Amino acid sequence: MRFSEVWLVLSVNLVLTGYSYEFEDDLYSDYYNEIQLDESSTKSISEPSFISSSQEYIVNEGETVRLPCKVNDLHGFVLLWKKDDQIISVGEHSVEDAEGRYLIETRSQGTSLVIRLVRPSDHGVYTCQISALKPTFIQHKLHIRVKPIIEIEEGTEIILKEGSYGNLTCSILSGTPEPNLTWRKETEGVI
């Protein structure tokens, strides 16, 4: 029975033994991958590090927000943006952005993710990740403030005789974060 080995040399000086079969009269043998590192010729590559830090943003519905991702020594590495666990962009290229609301602004030390015309569904955690052997990341939390819709029953003005009682009812129909109602008289402060 003959054995054969396949050797591949990668650019980072890793030597891999290939996986092969030799058939001879229905017999075969296999070799398993083996990694050897040539220590004398490896170069030290500095890992990039973040200049910007994780932040929390509150933005009004319909506005534009810029989420920064500044990095030291990005040379040869790529930045990846994700919303929750969904990939938004790789490098400067957006992924699945049919509406064109996501824009990647490239700077000398990283990128900013620009989200135009924000809406409630944009609420979430946005991650900027460095594509390195040990992925590192920062996360921005985005909250969308939605203008409240309030319903006032009985109209906006009630005329009463002195000494009589009146009932004013106000309901919050929607709004994010949940609005807090207070009553006040025009000539005085909060009631």
N, C-alpha and C. Protein backbone atom coordinates (compact mmCIF):
# COMPACT_ATOMS: atom_id res chain seq x y z
N MET A 1 0.84 -1.16 0.00
CA MET A 1 0.00 0.00 0.00
C MET A 1 0.89 1.23 0.00
N ARG A 2 0.57 2.24 -0.84
CA ARG A 2 1.35 3.47 -0.92
C ARG A 2 0.60 4.57 -0.17
N PHE A 3 1.34 5.46 0.46
CA PHE A 3 0.75 6.61 1.15
C PHE A 3 1.23 7.88 0.46
N SER A 4 0.37 8.87 0.42
CA SER A 4 0.78 10.15 -0.15
C SER A 4 0.39 11.26 0.82
N GLU A 5 1.19 12.30 0.83
CA GLU A 5 0.92 13.45 1.67
C GLU A 5 0.84 14.68 0.80
N VAL A 6 -0.07 15.58 1.14
CA VAL A 6 -0.20 16.84 0.42
C VAL A 6 0.18 17.94 1.40
N TRP A 7 1.13 18.81 1.02
CA TRP A 7 1.57 19.91 1.89
C TRP A 7 1.19 21.23 1.25
N LEU A 8 0.60 22.11 2.03
CA LEU A 8 0.25 23.46 1.57
C LEU A 8 0.95 24.45 2.48
N VAL A 9 1.53 25.49 1.90
CA VAL A 9 2.15 26.53 2.70
C VAL A 9 1.33 27.79 2.53
N LEU A 10 0.78 28.31 3.64
CA LEU A 10 -0.02 29.52 3.61
C LEU A 10 0.85 30.73 3.84
N SER A 11 0.33 31.90 3.48
CA SER A 11 1.11 33.13 3.57
C SER A 11 1.51 33.48 5.00
N VAL A 12 0.82 32.95 6.01
CA VAL A 12 1.21 33.23 7.38
C VAL A 12 2.11 32.13 7.93
N ASN A 13 2.73 31.39 7.05
CA ASN A 13 3.70 30.37 7.39
C ASN A 13 3.11 29.20 8.18
N LEU A 14 1.89 28.83 7.85
CA LEU A 14 1.30 27.63 8.42
C LEU A 14 1.50 26.51 7.41
N VAL A 15 1.87 25.34 7.89
CA VAL A 15 2.02 24.21 7.00
C VAL A 15 0.92 23.22 7.35
N LEU A 16 0.10 22.86 6.37
CA LEU A 16 -1.02 21.96 6.61
C LEU A 16 -0.79 20.65 5.87
N THR A 17 -1.06 19.56 6.54
CA THR A 17 -1.02 18.26 5.87
C THR A 17 -2.42 18.02 5.35
N GLY A 18 -2.54 17.66 4.11
CA GLY A 18 -3.84 17.48 3.49
C GLY A 18 -4.52 16.20 3.92
N TYR A 19 -5.74 16.08 3.56
CA TYR A 19 -6.57 14.93 3.86
C TYR A 19 -6.70 14.16 2.57
N SER A 20 -6.17 12.95 2.51
CA SER A 20 -6.18 12.24 1.23
C SER A 20 -6.54 10.77 1.43
N TYR A 21 -6.97 10.16 0.36
CA TYR A 21 -7.28 8.73 0.35
C TYR A 21 -6.51 8.09 -0.79
N GLU A 22 -6.08 6.87 -0.57
CA GLU A 22 -5.49 6.11 -1.66
C GLU A 22 -6.22 4.78 -1.71
N PHE A 23 -6.85 4.53 -2.81
CA PHE A 23 -7.61 3.29 -2.95
C PHE A 23 -6.75 2.23 -3.62
N GLU A 24 -6.67 1.10 -3.01
CA GLU A 24 -5.95 -0.02 -3.60
C GLU A 24 -6.61 -1.29 -3.12
N ASP A 25 -7.26 -1.95 -4.00
CA ASP A 25 -7.98 -3.18 -3.67
C ASP A 25 -8.96 -2.97 -2.52
N ASP A 26 -9.78 -1.89 -2.64
CA ASP A 26 -10.82 -1.55 -1.65
C ASP A 26 -10.26 -1.20 -0.26
N LEU A 27 -8.98 -0.92 -0.14
CA LEU A 27 -8.41 -0.47 1.13
C LEU A 27 -8.05 1.01 0.99
N TYR A 28 -8.18 1.73 2.04
CA TYR A 28 -7.78 3.14 1.99
C TYR A 28 -7.18 3.54 3.33
N SER A 29 -6.43 4.61 3.29
CA SER A 29 -5.89 5.19 4.51
C SER A 29 -6.13 6.69 4.45
N ASP A 30 -6.17 7.34 5.60
CA ASP A 30 -6.37 8.78 5.58
C ASP A 30 -5.43 9.47 6.56
N TYR A 31 -5.12 10.68 6.22
CA TYR A 31 -4.28 11.52 7.06
C TYR A 31 -5.17 12.64 7.59
N TYR A 32 -4.96 13.01 8.80
CA TYR A 32 -5.74 14.09 9.38
C TYR A 32 -4.93 15.38 9.35
N ASN A 33 -5.64 16.48 9.31
CA ASN A 33 -4.96 17.78 9.25
C ASN A 33 -4.06 17.99 10.46
N GLU A 34 -2.93 18.55 10.19
CA GLU A 34 -1.94 18.79 11.22
C GLU A 34 -1.40 20.19 10.97
N ILE A 35 -1.29 21.02 11.99
CA ILE A 35 -0.83 22.39 11.80
C ILE A 35 0.52 22.55 12.47
N GLN A 36 1.47 23.14 11.71
CA GLN A 36 2.79 23.43 12.24
C GLN A 36 3.04 24.92 12.03
N LEU A 37 3.49 25.60 13.04
CA LEU A 37 3.74 27.03 12.95
C LEU A 37 5.24 27.26 12.96
N ASP A 38 5.71 27.96 11.96
CA ASP A 38 7.12 28.29 11.86
C ASP A 38 7.34 29.57 12.67
N GLU A 39 7.76 29.47 13.92
CA GLU A 39 7.89 30.58 14.86
C GLU A 39 8.91 31.62 14.38
N SER A 40 9.94 31.22 13.69
CA SER A 40 11.01 32.14 13.33
C SER A 40 10.59 33.18 12.30
N SER A 41 9.56 32.91 11.52
CA SER A 41 9.23 33.85 10.45
C SER A 41 7.88 34.53 10.64
N THR A 42 7.25 34.40 11.79
CA THR A 42 5.97 35.07 12.00
C THR A 42 6.21 36.54 12.35
N LYS A 43 5.30 37.40 11.88
CA LYS A 43 5.39 38.83 12.13
C LYS A 43 4.38 39.21 13.20
N SER A 44 4.71 40.21 13.96
CA SER A 44 3.80 40.71 14.97
C SER A 44 2.83 41.69 14.31
N ILE A 45 1.55 41.41 14.39
CA ILE A 45 0.52 42.28 13.82
C ILE A 45 -0.22 42.91 14.98
N SER A 46 -0.26 44.25 15.01
CA SER A 46 -0.96 44.90 16.11
C SER A 46 -2.46 44.87 15.86
N GLU A 47 -3.18 44.51 16.90
CA GLU A 47 -4.63 44.45 16.82
C GLU A 47 -5.17 45.87 16.92
N PRO A 48 -6.19 46.20 16.12
CA PRO A 48 -6.79 47.53 16.24
C PRO A 48 -7.51 47.68 17.58
N SER A 49 -7.68 48.92 18.01
CA SER A 49 -8.42 49.18 19.25
C SER A 49 -9.37 50.35 19.02
N PHE A 50 -10.43 50.40 19.81
CA PHE A 50 -11.46 51.43 19.64
C PHE A 50 -11.05 52.75 20.30
N ILE A 51 -11.32 53.84 19.61
CA ILE A 51 -11.18 55.18 20.16
C ILE A 51 -12.53 55.59 20.74
N SER A 52 -13.61 55.33 19.98
CA SER A 52 -14.95 55.66 20.47
C SER A 52 -15.42 54.58 21.44
N SER A 53 -16.41 54.94 22.23
CA SER A 53 -16.93 53.98 23.21
C SER A 53 -18.42 53.77 23.00
N SER A 54 -18.95 52.74 23.64
CA SER A 54 -20.38 52.43 23.55
C SER A 54 -21.18 53.60 24.12
N GLN A 55 -22.31 53.90 23.46
CA GLN A 55 -23.15 55.02 23.87
C GLN A 55 -24.62 54.63 23.81
N GLU A 56 -25.45 55.46 24.42
CA GLU A 56 -26.90 55.29 24.35
C GLU A 56 -27.48 56.57 23.76
N TYR A 57 -28.34 56.43 22.73
CA TYR A 57 -28.90 57.57 22.02
C TYR A 57 -30.42 57.54 22.12
N ILE A 58 -31.02 58.74 22.25
CA ILE A 58 -32.46 58.90 22.15
C ILE A 58 -32.69 59.88 21.01
N VAL A 59 -33.42 59.43 19.97
CA VAL A 59 -33.61 60.22 18.76
C VAL A 59 -35.09 60.32 18.46
N ASN A 60 -35.53 61.49 18.00
CA ASN A 60 -36.93 61.67 17.62
C ASN A 60 -37.23 60.96 16.31
N GLU A 61 -38.41 60.38 16.23
CA GLU A 61 -38.86 59.72 15.01
C GLU A 61 -38.75 60.69 13.84
N GLY A 62 -38.21 60.22 12.70
CA GLY A 62 -38.08 61.04 11.51
C GLY A 62 -36.75 61.76 11.38
N GLU A 63 -35.93 61.78 12.43
CA GLU A 63 -34.64 62.46 12.38
C GLU A 63 -33.56 61.53 11.85
N THR A 64 -32.33 62.04 11.78
CA THR A 64 -31.15 61.28 11.35
C THR A 64 -30.23 61.12 12.54
N VAL A 65 -29.61 59.93 12.66
CA VAL A 65 -28.66 59.68 13.75
C VAL A 65 -27.35 59.14 13.16
N ARG A 66 -26.23 59.53 13.77
CA ARG A 66 -24.90 59.03 13.38
C ARG A 66 -24.31 58.28 14.56
N LEU A 67 -23.99 57.01 14.35
CA LEU A 67 -23.38 56.18 15.38
C LEU A 67 -21.90 56.02 15.04
N PRO A 68 -21.00 56.57 15.87
CA PRO A 68 -19.56 56.54 15.54
C PRO A 68 -18.88 55.23 15.89
N CYS A 69 -17.87 54.91 15.09
CA CYS A 69 -17.02 53.75 15.35
C CYS A 69 -15.60 54.13 14.92
N LYS A 70 -14.87 54.77 15.83
CA LYS A 70 -13.50 55.20 15.53
C LYS A 70 -12.53 54.17 16.08
N VAL A 71 -11.51 53.86 15.26
CA VAL A 71 -10.59 52.77 15.58
C VAL A 71 -9.15 53.19 15.31
N ASN A 72 -8.20 52.77 16.18
CA ASN A 72 -6.76 52.92 15.95
C ASN A 72 -6.26 51.73 15.15
N ASP A 73 -5.33 51.94 14.25
CA ASP A 73 -4.64 50.86 13.52
C ASP A 73 -5.59 49.89 12.84
N LEU A 74 -6.48 50.39 12.01
CA LEU A 74 -7.44 49.52 11.30
C LEU A 74 -6.81 48.84 10.08
N HIS A 75 -5.58 49.15 9.76
CA HIS A 75 -4.91 48.66 8.56
C HIS A 75 -5.14 47.17 8.33
N GLY A 76 -5.75 46.84 7.19
CA GLY A 76 -5.96 45.43 6.83
C GLY A 76 -7.16 44.77 7.49
N PHE A 77 -7.85 45.47 8.38
CA PHE A 77 -9.02 44.91 9.03
C PHE A 77 -10.27 45.59 8.48
N VAL A 78 -11.41 44.96 8.67
CA VAL A 78 -12.68 45.48 8.15
C VAL A 78 -13.64 45.67 9.32
N LEU A 79 -14.43 46.75 9.25
CA LEU A 79 -15.46 46.99 10.26
C LEU A 79 -16.79 46.41 9.79
N LEU A 80 -17.50 45.82 10.71
CA LEU A 80 -18.79 45.18 10.44
C LEU A 80 -19.82 45.86 11.34
N TRP A 81 -20.95 46.29 10.77
CA TRP A 81 -22.04 46.87 11.55
C TRP A 81 -23.19 45.88 11.59
N LYS A 82 -23.79 45.71 12.79
CA LYS A 82 -24.95 44.83 12.96
C LYS A 82 -26.01 45.55 13.78
N LYS A 83 -27.27 45.25 13.49
CA LYS A 83 -28.38 45.69 14.35
C LYS A 83 -28.89 44.43 15.02
N ASP A 84 -28.85 44.40 16.34
CA ASP A 84 -29.13 43.19 17.10
C ASP A 84 -28.20 42.12 16.53
N ASP A 85 -28.68 41.07 15.88
CA ASP A 85 -27.77 40.07 15.30
C ASP A 85 -27.78 40.08 13.77
N GLN A 86 -28.43 41.06 13.17
CA GLN A 86 -28.54 41.15 11.70
C GLN A 86 -27.44 42.04 11.14
N ILE A 87 -26.69 41.55 10.16
CA ILE A 87 -25.60 42.33 9.55
C ILE A 87 -26.19 43.45 8.70
N ILE A 88 -25.68 44.68 8.92
CA ILE A 88 -26.11 45.85 8.16
C ILE A 88 -25.09 46.18 7.08
N SER A 89 -23.79 46.12 7.46
CA SER A 89 -22.75 46.44 6.48
C SER A 89 -21.47 45.69 6.78
N VAL A 90 -20.71 45.49 5.71
CA VAL A 90 -19.36 44.91 5.80
C VAL A 90 -18.46 45.90 5.08
N GLY A 91 -17.52 46.47 5.82
CA GLY A 91 -16.69 47.53 5.22
C GLY A 91 -17.57 48.71 4.87
N GLU A 92 -17.48 49.15 3.62
CA GLU A 92 -18.28 50.29 3.17
C GLU A 92 -19.57 49.86 2.47
N HIS A 93 -19.84 48.56 2.40
CA HIS A 93 -20.97 48.05 1.64
C HIS A 93 -22.14 47.67 2.54
N SER A 94 -23.29 48.28 2.26
CA SER A 94 -24.52 47.95 3.00
C SER A 94 -25.07 46.62 2.52
N VAL A 95 -25.71 45.91 3.43
CA VAL A 95 -26.31 44.62 3.11
C VAL A 95 -27.82 44.76 3.28
N GLU A 96 -28.58 44.38 2.30
CA GLU A 96 -30.04 44.38 2.35
C GLU A 96 -30.63 45.68 2.88
N ASP A 97 -30.36 46.78 2.19
CA ASP A 97 -30.91 48.08 2.56
C ASP A 97 -31.69 48.62 1.36
N ALA A 98 -32.83 47.99 1.08
CA ALA A 98 -33.62 48.33 -0.10
C ALA A 98 -34.13 49.77 -0.06
N GLU A 99 -34.37 50.31 1.13
CA GLU A 99 -34.91 51.66 1.26
C GLU A 99 -33.83 52.74 1.25
N GLY A 100 -32.57 52.34 1.35
CA GLY A 100 -31.47 53.31 1.32
C GLY A 100 -31.40 54.20 2.55
N ARG A 101 -31.85 53.72 3.68
CA ARG A 101 -31.83 54.54 4.90
C ARG A 101 -30.51 54.43 5.65
N TYR A 102 -29.73 53.37 5.41
CA TYR A 102 -28.43 53.21 6.07
C TYR A 102 -27.34 53.73 5.15
N LEU A 103 -26.41 54.47 5.75
CA LEU A 103 -25.29 55.01 5.00
C LEU A 103 -24.04 54.83 5.86
N ILE A 104 -22.96 54.40 5.26
CA ILE A 104 -21.69 54.26 5.97
C ILE A 104 -20.80 55.43 5.58
N GLU A 105 -20.48 56.28 6.55
CA GLU A 105 -19.55 57.39 6.32
C GLU A 105 -18.17 56.93 6.75
N THR A 106 -17.25 56.88 5.80
CA THR A 106 -15.89 56.42 6.09
C THR A 106 -15.01 57.60 6.47
N ARG A 107 -14.29 57.42 7.55
CA ARG A 107 -13.34 58.41 8.04
C ARG A 107 -11.96 57.76 8.09
N SER A 108 -10.92 58.56 8.37
CA SER A 108 -9.58 57.99 8.42
C SER A 108 -9.41 57.01 9.58
N GLN A 109 -10.19 57.16 10.63
CA GLN A 109 -10.07 56.27 11.79
C GLN A 109 -11.35 55.49 12.03
N GLY A 110 -11.99 55.01 10.97
CA GLY A 110 -13.18 54.19 11.15
C GLY A 110 -14.36 54.68 10.35
N THR A 111 -15.55 54.41 10.87
CA THR A 111 -16.77 54.77 10.16
C THR A 111 -17.82 55.30 11.12
N SER A 112 -18.88 55.83 10.53
CA SER A 112 -20.09 56.16 11.28
C SER A 112 -21.24 55.51 10.52
N LEU A 113 -22.15 54.90 11.26
CA LEU A 113 -23.36 54.37 10.66
C LEU A 113 -24.40 55.48 10.76
N VAL A 114 -24.91 55.91 9.59
CA VAL A 114 -25.92 56.96 9.54
C VAL A 114 -27.26 56.29 9.23
N ILE A 115 -28.26 56.56 10.08
CA ILE A 115 -29.60 56.04 9.85
C ILE A 115 -30.50 57.24 9.61
N ARG A 116 -31.09 57.29 8.40
CA ARG A 116 -31.95 58.42 8.04
C ARG A 116 -33.41 58.08 8.31
N LEU A 117 -34.19 59.11 8.60
CA LEU A 117 -35.63 58.97 8.83
C LEU A 117 -35.93 57.84 9.81
N VAL A 118 -35.34 57.92 11.00
CA VAL A 118 -35.51 56.84 11.98
C VAL A 118 -36.98 56.62 12.30
N ARG A 119 -37.30 55.40 12.60
CA ARG A 119 -38.67 55.01 12.96
C ARG A 119 -38.61 54.04 14.14
N PRO A 120 -39.74 53.77 14.78
CA PRO A 120 -39.73 52.91 15.96
C PRO A 120 -39.05 51.56 15.76
N SER A 121 -39.14 50.99 14.57
CA SER A 121 -38.50 49.68 14.33
C SER A 121 -36.97 49.76 14.34
N ASP A 122 -36.41 50.97 14.31
CA ASP A 122 -34.95 51.13 14.38
C ASP A 122 -34.42 51.01 15.80
N HIS A 123 -35.32 50.98 16.77
CA HIS A 123 -34.93 50.81 18.18
C HIS A 123 -34.14 49.50 18.31
N GLY A 124 -33.02 49.52 19.02
CA GLY A 124 -32.25 48.30 19.23
C GLY A 124 -30.80 48.57 19.55
N VAL A 125 -30.01 47.50 19.50
CA VAL A 125 -28.57 47.57 19.80
C VAL A 125 -27.81 47.47 18.49
N TYR A 126 -26.94 48.45 18.24
CA TYR A 126 -26.12 48.50 17.03
C TYR A 126 -24.68 48.21 17.44
N THR A 127 -24.07 47.24 16.76
CA THR A 127 -22.73 46.78 17.09
C THR A 127 -21.76 47.11 15.96
N CYS A 128 -20.63 47.70 16.32
CA CYS A 128 -19.52 47.89 15.37
C CYS A 128 -18.44 46.91 15.80
N GLN A 129 -18.09 46.00 14.89
CA GLN A 129 -17.16 44.92 15.22
C GLN A 129 -15.96 44.95 14.29
N ILE A 130 -14.78 44.72 14.84
CA ILE A 130 -13.55 44.63 14.06
C ILE A 130 -13.36 43.18 13.65
N SER A 131 -13.14 42.95 12.35
CA SER A 131 -12.96 41.58 11.85
C SER A 131 -11.53 41.13 12.10
N ALA A 132 -11.26 40.69 13.30
CA ALA A 132 -9.93 40.23 13.67
C ALA A 132 -10.03 38.79 14.18
N LEU A 133 -8.88 38.19 14.46
CA LEU A 133 -8.87 36.83 14.99
C LEU A 133 -9.70 36.75 16.27
N LYS A 134 -9.54 37.75 17.12
CA LYS A 134 -10.37 37.86 18.33
C LYS A 134 -11.28 39.06 18.12
N PRO A 135 -12.50 38.86 17.59
CA PRO A 135 -13.38 39.99 17.31
C PRO A 135 -13.65 40.84 18.55
N THR A 136 -13.50 42.14 18.39
CA THR A 136 -13.83 43.08 19.46
C THR A 136 -14.90 44.01 18.93
N PHE A 137 -15.66 44.61 19.82
CA PHE A 137 -16.78 45.43 19.36
C PHE A 137 -17.15 46.49 20.38
N ILE A 138 -17.90 47.48 19.90
CA ILE A 138 -18.60 48.42 20.76
C ILE A 138 -20.07 48.36 20.38
N GLN A 139 -20.94 48.72 21.31
CA GLN A 139 -22.38 48.67 21.04
C GLN A 139 -23.02 49.99 21.40
N HIS A 140 -23.88 50.44 20.51
CA HIS A 140 -24.67 51.65 20.75
C HIS A 140 -26.13 51.22 20.90
N LYS A 141 -26.79 51.74 21.95
CA LYS A 141 -28.23 51.48 22.13
C LYS A 141 -28.99 52.66 21.57
N LEU A 142 -29.96 52.38 20.72
CA LEU A 142 -30.74 53.43 20.08
C LEU A 142 -32.20 53.33 20.52
N HIS A 143 -32.70 54.44 21.09
CA HIS A 143 -34.11 54.54 21.49
C HIS A 143 -34.76 55.58 20.61
N ILE A 144 -35.96 55.30 20.15
CA ILE A 144 -36.67 56.23 19.29
C ILE A 144 -37.80 56.87 20.08
N ARG A 145 -37.79 58.19 20.12
CA ARG A 145 -38.85 58.93 20.81
C ARG A 145 -39.95 59.23 19.80
N VAL A 146 -41.17 58.78 20.11
CA VAL A 146 -42.31 58.97 19.22
C VAL A 146 -43.25 59.99 19.85
N LYS A 147 -43.64 61.00 19.07
CA LYS A 147 -44.52 62.07 19.56
C LYS A 147 -45.82 61.47 20.09
N PRO A 148 -46.24 61.88 21.27
CA PRO A 148 -47.47 61.32 21.84
C PRO A 148 -48.72 61.78 21.10
N ILE A 149 -49.70 60.91 21.09
CA ILE A 149 -51.03 61.26 20.58
C ILE A 149 -51.95 61.25 21.79
N ILE A 150 -52.56 62.40 22.05
CA ILE A 150 -53.40 62.57 23.23
C ILE A 150 -54.82 62.92 22.79
N GLU A 151 -55.77 62.33 23.45
CA GLU A 151 -57.18 62.60 23.15
C GLU A 151 -57.80 63.30 24.36
N ILE A 152 -58.43 64.45 24.10
CA ILE A 152 -59.10 65.18 25.17
C ILE A 152 -60.60 65.05 24.94
N GLU A 153 -61.30 64.45 25.89
CA GLU A 153 -62.74 64.29 25.77
C GLU A 153 -63.43 65.58 26.15
N GLU A 154 -64.62 65.79 25.65
CA GLU A 154 -65.43 66.98 25.94
C GLU A 154 -64.86 68.23 25.28
N GLY A 155 -63.95 68.11 24.35
CA GLY A 155 -63.40 69.29 23.69
C GLY A 155 -62.26 69.90 24.50
N THR A 156 -61.72 70.99 23.99
CA THR A 156 -60.58 71.62 24.66
C THR A 156 -60.98 72.75 25.59
N GLU A 157 -62.27 73.12 25.60
CA GLU A 157 -62.71 74.21 26.45
C GLU A 157 -64.05 73.84 27.10
N ILE A 158 -64.14 74.05 28.41
CA ILE A 158 -65.37 73.79 29.14
C ILE A 158 -65.74 75.06 29.90
N ILE A 159 -67.00 75.49 29.79
CA ILE A 159 -67.47 76.68 30.50
C ILE A 159 -68.39 76.20 31.63
N LEU A 160 -68.08 76.63 32.86
CA LEU A 160 -68.85 76.22 34.04
C LEU A 160 -69.32 77.45 34.80
N LYS A 161 -70.44 77.27 35.51
CA LYS A 161 -70.91 78.31 36.42
C LYS A 161 -70.09 78.21 37.70
N GLU A 162 -69.88 79.34 38.32
CA GLU A 162 -69.11 79.36 39.55
C GLU A 162 -69.75 78.45 40.59
N GLY A 163 -68.92 77.62 41.23
CA GLY A 163 -69.38 76.69 42.26
C GLY A 163 -69.80 75.34 41.72
N SER A 164 -69.89 75.17 40.40
CA SER A 164 -70.26 73.86 39.85
C SER A 164 -69.00 73.04 39.55
N TYR A 165 -69.21 71.75 39.37
CA TYR A 165 -68.10 70.83 39.12
C TYR A 165 -68.01 70.51 37.63
N GLY A 166 -66.82 70.28 37.18
CA GLY A 166 -66.60 69.85 35.79
C GLY A 166 -65.64 68.68 35.77
N ASN A 167 -65.68 67.93 34.71
CA ASN A 167 -64.81 66.76 34.58
C ASN A 167 -64.02 66.88 33.27
N LEU A 168 -62.73 66.89 33.38
CA LEU A 168 -61.86 66.91 32.20
C LEU A 168 -61.18 65.56 32.09
N THR A 169 -61.29 64.94 30.92
CA THR A 169 -60.67 63.63 30.72
C THR A 169 -59.68 63.71 29.57
N CYS A 170 -58.49 63.22 29.82
CA CYS A 170 -57.43 63.21 28.82
C CYS A 170 -56.85 61.81 28.76
N SER A 171 -56.70 61.27 27.56
CA SER A 171 -56.16 59.90 27.40
C SER A 171 -54.93 59.92 26.50
N ILE A 172 -53.95 59.12 26.85
CA ILE A 172 -52.77 58.94 26.01
C ILE A 172 -53.04 57.76 25.07
N LEU A 173 -53.03 58.01 23.77
CA LEU A 173 -53.28 56.95 22.81
C LEU A 173 -51.98 56.24 22.41
N SER A 174 -50.90 56.99 22.29
CA SER A 174 -49.60 56.39 21.95
C SER A 174 -48.49 57.37 22.27
N GLY A 175 -47.27 56.89 22.20
CA GLY A 175 -46.09 57.70 22.45
C GLY A 175 -45.00 56.87 23.09
N THR A 176 -43.74 57.15 22.70
CA THR A 176 -42.60 56.43 23.26
C THR A 176 -41.51 57.44 23.59
N PRO A 177 -40.94 57.42 24.78
CA PRO A 177 -41.35 56.63 25.93
C PRO A 177 -42.74 57.06 26.39
N GLU A 178 -43.35 56.26 27.24
CA GLU A 178 -44.72 56.54 27.65
C GLU A 178 -44.80 57.94 28.27
N PRO A 179 -45.66 58.80 27.72
CA PRO A 179 -45.75 60.17 28.22
C PRO A 179 -46.30 60.25 29.64
N ASN A 180 -45.92 61.30 30.33
CA ASN A 180 -46.41 61.58 31.68
C ASN A 180 -47.29 62.83 31.57
N LEU A 181 -48.56 62.73 31.96
CA LEU A 181 -49.48 63.86 31.85
C LEU A 181 -49.49 64.69 33.12
N THR A 182 -49.53 66.00 32.94
CA THR A 182 -49.75 66.91 34.06
C THR A 182 -50.77 67.95 33.61
N TRP A 183 -51.55 68.45 34.55
CA TRP A 183 -52.55 69.47 34.27
C TRP A 183 -52.05 70.79 34.82
N ARG A 184 -52.37 71.89 34.13
CA ARG A 184 -52.03 73.21 34.65
C ARG A 184 -53.05 74.22 34.15
N LYS A 185 -53.22 75.21 34.94
CA LYS A 185 -54.12 76.32 34.61
C LYS A 185 -53.27 77.39 33.93
N GLU A 186 -53.79 78.01 32.87
CA GLU A 186 -53.00 78.96 32.12
C GLU A 186 -52.38 80.05 32.97
N THR A 187 -53.11 80.55 33.93
CA THR A 187 -52.60 81.66 34.74
C THR A 187 -51.77 81.21 35.92
N GLU A 188 -51.77 79.89 36.17
CA GLU A 188 -51.02 79.36 37.33
C GLU A 188 -50.10 78.24 36.84
N GLY A 189 -49.42 77.63 37.78
CA GLY A 189 -48.50 76.54 37.44
C GLY A 189 -49.22 75.20 37.37
N VAL A 190 -48.47 74.15 37.59
CA VAL A 190 -48.98 72.78 37.54
C VAL A 190 -50.01 72.56 38.65
N ILE A 191 -51.10 71.90 38.30
CA ILE A 191 -52.16 71.61 39.28
C ILE A 191 -51.87 70.28 39.96
